[in-house]
Amino acid sequence: MITPLERAGASGWLGTEAGSILLVFVVGLAATLIIVGLYALGIRFFAVGAPDVRVPDGDDPEGPTAVVAPRETPRPLPATMAGLVCFAGVAAAVVYGIYLVIPLFHGK
């Protein structure tokens, strides 16, 4: 009779291939970095031209002495479009991830 340990030794540790685990880890890490990077970049593009917060030296920018100056110029159109493209990329990645997880969408 073959024991489970002998069976596991024949095909790798616990019947898995280390290369597959490494591939899943690398793809998951890369996807996470790309999605978080796009989100942060989108927020940064939308912050271009934001109103200034003016405070006396040494005071808290969120304290009672903070004064928000009105926006002097509107946000540039290229910055707005770049922010929208970044958020569209994030939304596309999320929708694709949902598509991969739910087998009903595969049509088979």
C-alpha atoms as a PDB file:
ATOM      1  CA  MET A   1       0.000   0.000   0.000  1.00  0.00           C
ATOM      2  CA  ILE A   2       1.273   3.495  -0.922  1.00  0.00           C
ATOM      3  CA  THR A   3       1.152   5.988   1.898  1.00  0.00           C
ATOM      4  CA  PRO A   4       0.027   9.607   1.337  1.00  0.00           C
ATOM      5  CA  LEU A   5       3.587  10.798   1.995  1.00  0.00           C
ATOM      6  CA  GLU A   6       4.961   8.575  -0.756  1.00  0.00           C
ATOM      7  CA  ARG A   7       2.249   9.780  -3.114  1.00  0.00           C
ATOM      8  CA  ALA A   8       3.007  13.435  -2.309  1.00  0.00           C
ATOM      9  CA  GLY A   9       6.712  12.888  -2.899  1.00  0.00           C
ATOM     10  CA  ALA A  10       6.039  11.668  -6.411  1.00  0.00           C
ATOM     11  CA  SER A  11       4.408  14.883  -7.628  1.00  0.00           C
ATOM     12  CA  GLY A  12       5.868  17.596  -5.426  1.00  0.00           C
ATOM     13  CA  TRP A  13       5.058  18.928  -1.997  1.00  0.00           C
ATOM     14  CA  LEU A  14       1.460  17.954  -1.168  1.00  0.00           C
ATOM     15  CA  GLY A  15       0.789  17.256  -4.824  1.00  0.00           C
ATOM     16  CA  THR A  16       1.411  20.812  -6.024  1.00  0.00           C
ATOM     17  CA  GLU A  17       4.009  22.295  -8.266  1.00  0.00           C
ATOM     18  CA  ALA A  18       6.025  25.123  -6.748  1.00  0.00           C
ATOM     19  CA  GLY A  19       6.198  26.862 -10.119  1.00  0.00           C
ATOM     20  CA  SER A  20       2.415  27.197 -10.237  1.00  0.00           C
ATOM     21  CA  ILE A  21       2.282  28.698  -6.759  1.00  0.00           C
ATOM     22  CA  LEU A  22       5.050  31.135  -7.672  1.00  0.00           C
ATOM     23  CA  LEU A  23       3.246  32.107 -10.883  1.00  0.00           C
ATOM     24  CA  VAL A  24       0.001  32.836  -9.027  1.00  0.00           C
ATOM     25  CA  PHE A  25       1.914  34.900  -6.453  1.00  0.00           C
ATOM     26  CA  VAL A  26       3.755  36.963  -9.079  1.00  0.00           C
ATOM     27  CA  VAL A  27       0.632  37.613 -11.180  1.00  0.00           C
ATOM     28  CA  GLY A  28      -1.381  38.577  -8.086  1.00  0.00           C
ATOM     29  CA  LEU A  29       1.351  40.914  -6.864  1.00  0.00           C
ATOM     30  CA  ALA A  30       1.738  42.550 -10.281  1.00  0.00           C
ATOM     31  CA  ALA A  31      -2.018  43.011 -10.672  1.00  0.00           C
ATOM     32  CA  THR A  32      -2.275  44.535  -7.204  1.00  0.00           C
ATOM     33  CA  LEU A  33       0.558  46.974  -7.859  1.00  0.00           C
ATOM     34  CA  ILE A  34      -0.899  48.014 -11.212  1.00  0.00           C
ATOM     35  CA  ILE A  35      -4.439  48.541  -9.881  1.00  0.00           C
ATOM     36  CA  VAL A  36      -3.325  50.460  -6.778  1.00  0.00           C
ATOM     37  CA  GLY A  37      -0.889  52.501  -8.883  1.00  0.00           C
ATOM     38  CA  LEU A  38      -3.587  53.442 -11.375  1.00  0.00           C
ATOM     39  CA  TYR A  39      -5.950  54.446  -8.582  1.00  0.00           C
ATOM     40  CA  ALA A  40      -3.323  56.614  -6.872  1.00  0.00           C
ATOM     41  CA  LEU A  41      -2.318  58.198 -10.177  1.00  0.00           C
ATOM     42  CA  GLY A  42      -5.984  58.944 -10.962  1.00  0.00           C
ATOM     43  CA  ILE A  43      -6.404  60.690  -7.612  1.00  0.00           C
ATOM     44  CA  ARG A  44      -3.212  62.662  -8.240  1.00  0.00           C
ATOM     45  CA  PHE A  45      -4.441  63.812 -11.661  1.00  0.00           C
ATOM     46  CA  PHE A  46      -7.742  64.966 -10.167  1.00  0.00           C
ATOM     47  CA  ALA A  47      -5.866  66.927  -7.466  1.00  0.00           C
ATOM     48  CA  VAL A  48      -4.171  69.118 -10.081  1.00  0.00           C
ATOM     49  CA  GLY A  49      -5.422  72.664  -9.687  1.00  0.00           C
ATOM     50  CA  ALA A  50      -7.090  71.978  -6.335  1.00  0.00           C
ATOM     51  CA  PRO A  51      -7.611  74.961  -4.039  1.00  0.00           C
ATOM     52  CA  ASP A  52      -4.779  75.841  -1.672  1.00  0.00           C
ATOM     53  CA  VAL A  53      -5.095  75.598   2.080  1.00  0.00           C
ATOM     54  CA  ARG A  54      -3.401  78.583   3.670  1.00  0.00           C
ATOM     55  CA  VAL A  55      -2.405  78.543   7.339  1.00  0.00           C
ATOM     56  CA  PRO A  56      -0.126  80.664   9.487  1.00  0.00           C
ATOM     57  CA  ASP A  57       3.352  79.195   9.995  1.00  0.00           C
ATOM     58  CA  GLY A  58       3.369  76.253  12.381  1.00  0.00           C
ATOM     59  CA  ASP A  59      -0.421  75.804  12.526  1.00  0.00           C
ATOM     60  CA  ASP A  60      -2.363  72.666  11.662  1.00  0.00           C
ATOM     61  CA  PRO A  61      -3.622  72.620   8.035  1.00  0.00           C
ATOM     62  CA  GLU A  62      -6.846  71.033   9.281  1.00  0.00           C
ATOM     63  CA  GLY A  63      -7.226  73.307  12.296  1.00  0.00           C
ATOM     64  CA  PRO A  64      -9.564  76.256  12.849  1.00  0.00           C
ATOM     65  CA  THR A  65      -7.094  78.781  11.434  1.00  0.00           C
ATOM     66  CA  ALA A  66      -6.926  77.100   8.014  1.00  0.00           C
ATOM     67  CA  VAL A  67      -8.366  79.089   5.133  1.00  0.00           C
ATOM     68  CA  VAL A  68      -9.200  77.421   1.843  1.00  0.00           C
ATOM     69  CA  ALA A  69      -8.350  79.735  -1.010  1.00  0.00           C
ATOM     70  CA  PRO A  70     -10.708  79.631  -3.970  1.00  0.00           C
ATOM     71  CA  ARG A  71      -9.562  77.810  -7.059  1.00  0.00           C
ATOM     72  CA  GLU A  72      -7.988  80.344  -9.358  1.00  0.00           C
ATOM     73  CA  THR A  73      -8.030  78.292 -12.553  1.00  0.00           C
ATOM     74  CA  PRO A  74     -10.036  75.212 -13.499  1.00  0.00           C
ATOM     75  CA  ARG A  75      -8.360  71.818 -13.634  1.00  0.00           C
ATOM     76  CA  PRO A  76      -6.649  71.364 -17.008  1.00  0.00           C
ATOM     77  CA  LEU A  77      -8.523  69.134 -19.448  1.00  0.00           C
ATOM     78  CA  PRO A  78      -5.533  66.757 -19.981  1.00  0.00           C
ATOM     79  CA  ALA A  79      -5.331  66.146 -16.220  1.00  0.00           C
ATOM     80  CA  THR A  80      -9.056  65.423 -16.063  1.00  0.00           C
ATOM     81  CA  MET A  81      -8.884  63.046 -19.022  1.00  0.00           C
ATOM     82  CA  ALA A  82      -5.822  61.257 -17.597  1.00  0.00           C
ATOM     83  CA  GLY A  83      -7.608  60.795 -14.264  1.00  0.00           C
ATOM     84  CA  LEU A  84     -10.654  59.365 -16.020  1.00  0.00           C
ATOM     85  CA  VAL A  85      -8.463  56.966 -18.020  1.00  0.00           C
ATOM     86  CA  CYS A  86      -6.784  55.767 -14.810  1.00  0.00           C
ATOM     87  CA  PHE A  87     -10.126  55.144 -13.101  1.00  0.00           C
ATOM     88  CA  ALA A  88     -11.459  53.407 -16.219  1.00  0.00           C
ATOM     89  CA  GLY A  89      -8.453  51.068 -16.080  1.00  0.00           C
ATOM     90  CA  VAL A  90      -9.190  50.266 -12.443  1.00  0.00           C
ATOM     91  CA  ALA A  91     -12.865  49.630 -13.238  1.00  0.00           C
ATOM     92  CA  ALA A  92     -11.929  47.381 -16.174  1.00  0.00           C
ATOM     93  CA  ALA A  93      -9.594  45.334 -13.973  1.00  0.00           C
ATOM     94  CA  VAL A  94     -12.292  44.903 -11.322  1.00  0.00           C
ATOM     95  CA  VAL A  95     -14.921  43.855 -13.883  1.00  0.00           C
ATOM     96  CA  TYR A  96     -12.476  41.398 -15.491  1.00  0.00           C
ATOM     97  CA  GLY A  97     -11.688  39.922 -12.064  1.00  0.00           C
ATOM     98  CA  ILE A  98     -15.385  39.427 -11.369  1.00  0.00           C
ATOM     99  CA  TYR A  99     -15.770  37.814 -14.794  1.00  0.00           C
ATOM    100  CA  LEU A 100     -12.965  35.360 -13.990  1.00  0.00           C
ATOM    101  CA  VAL A 101     -14.378  34.442 -10.590  1.00  0.00           C
ATOM    102  CA  ILE A 102     -18.038  33.854 -11.578  1.00  0.00           C
ATOM    103  CA  PRO A 103     -18.386  30.839 -13.901  1.00  0.00           C
ATOM    104  CA  LEU A 104     -21.905  31.846 -14.967  1.00  0.00           C
ATOM    105  CA  PHE A 105     -20.392  34.579 -17.149  1.00  0.00           C
ATOM    106  CA  HIS A 106     -18.207  32.142 -19.099  1.00  0.00           C
ATOM    107  CA  GLY A 107     -21.135  30.749 -21.085  1.00  0.00           C
ATOM    108  CA  LYS A 108     -20.108  27.090 -20.900  1.00  0.00           C
END
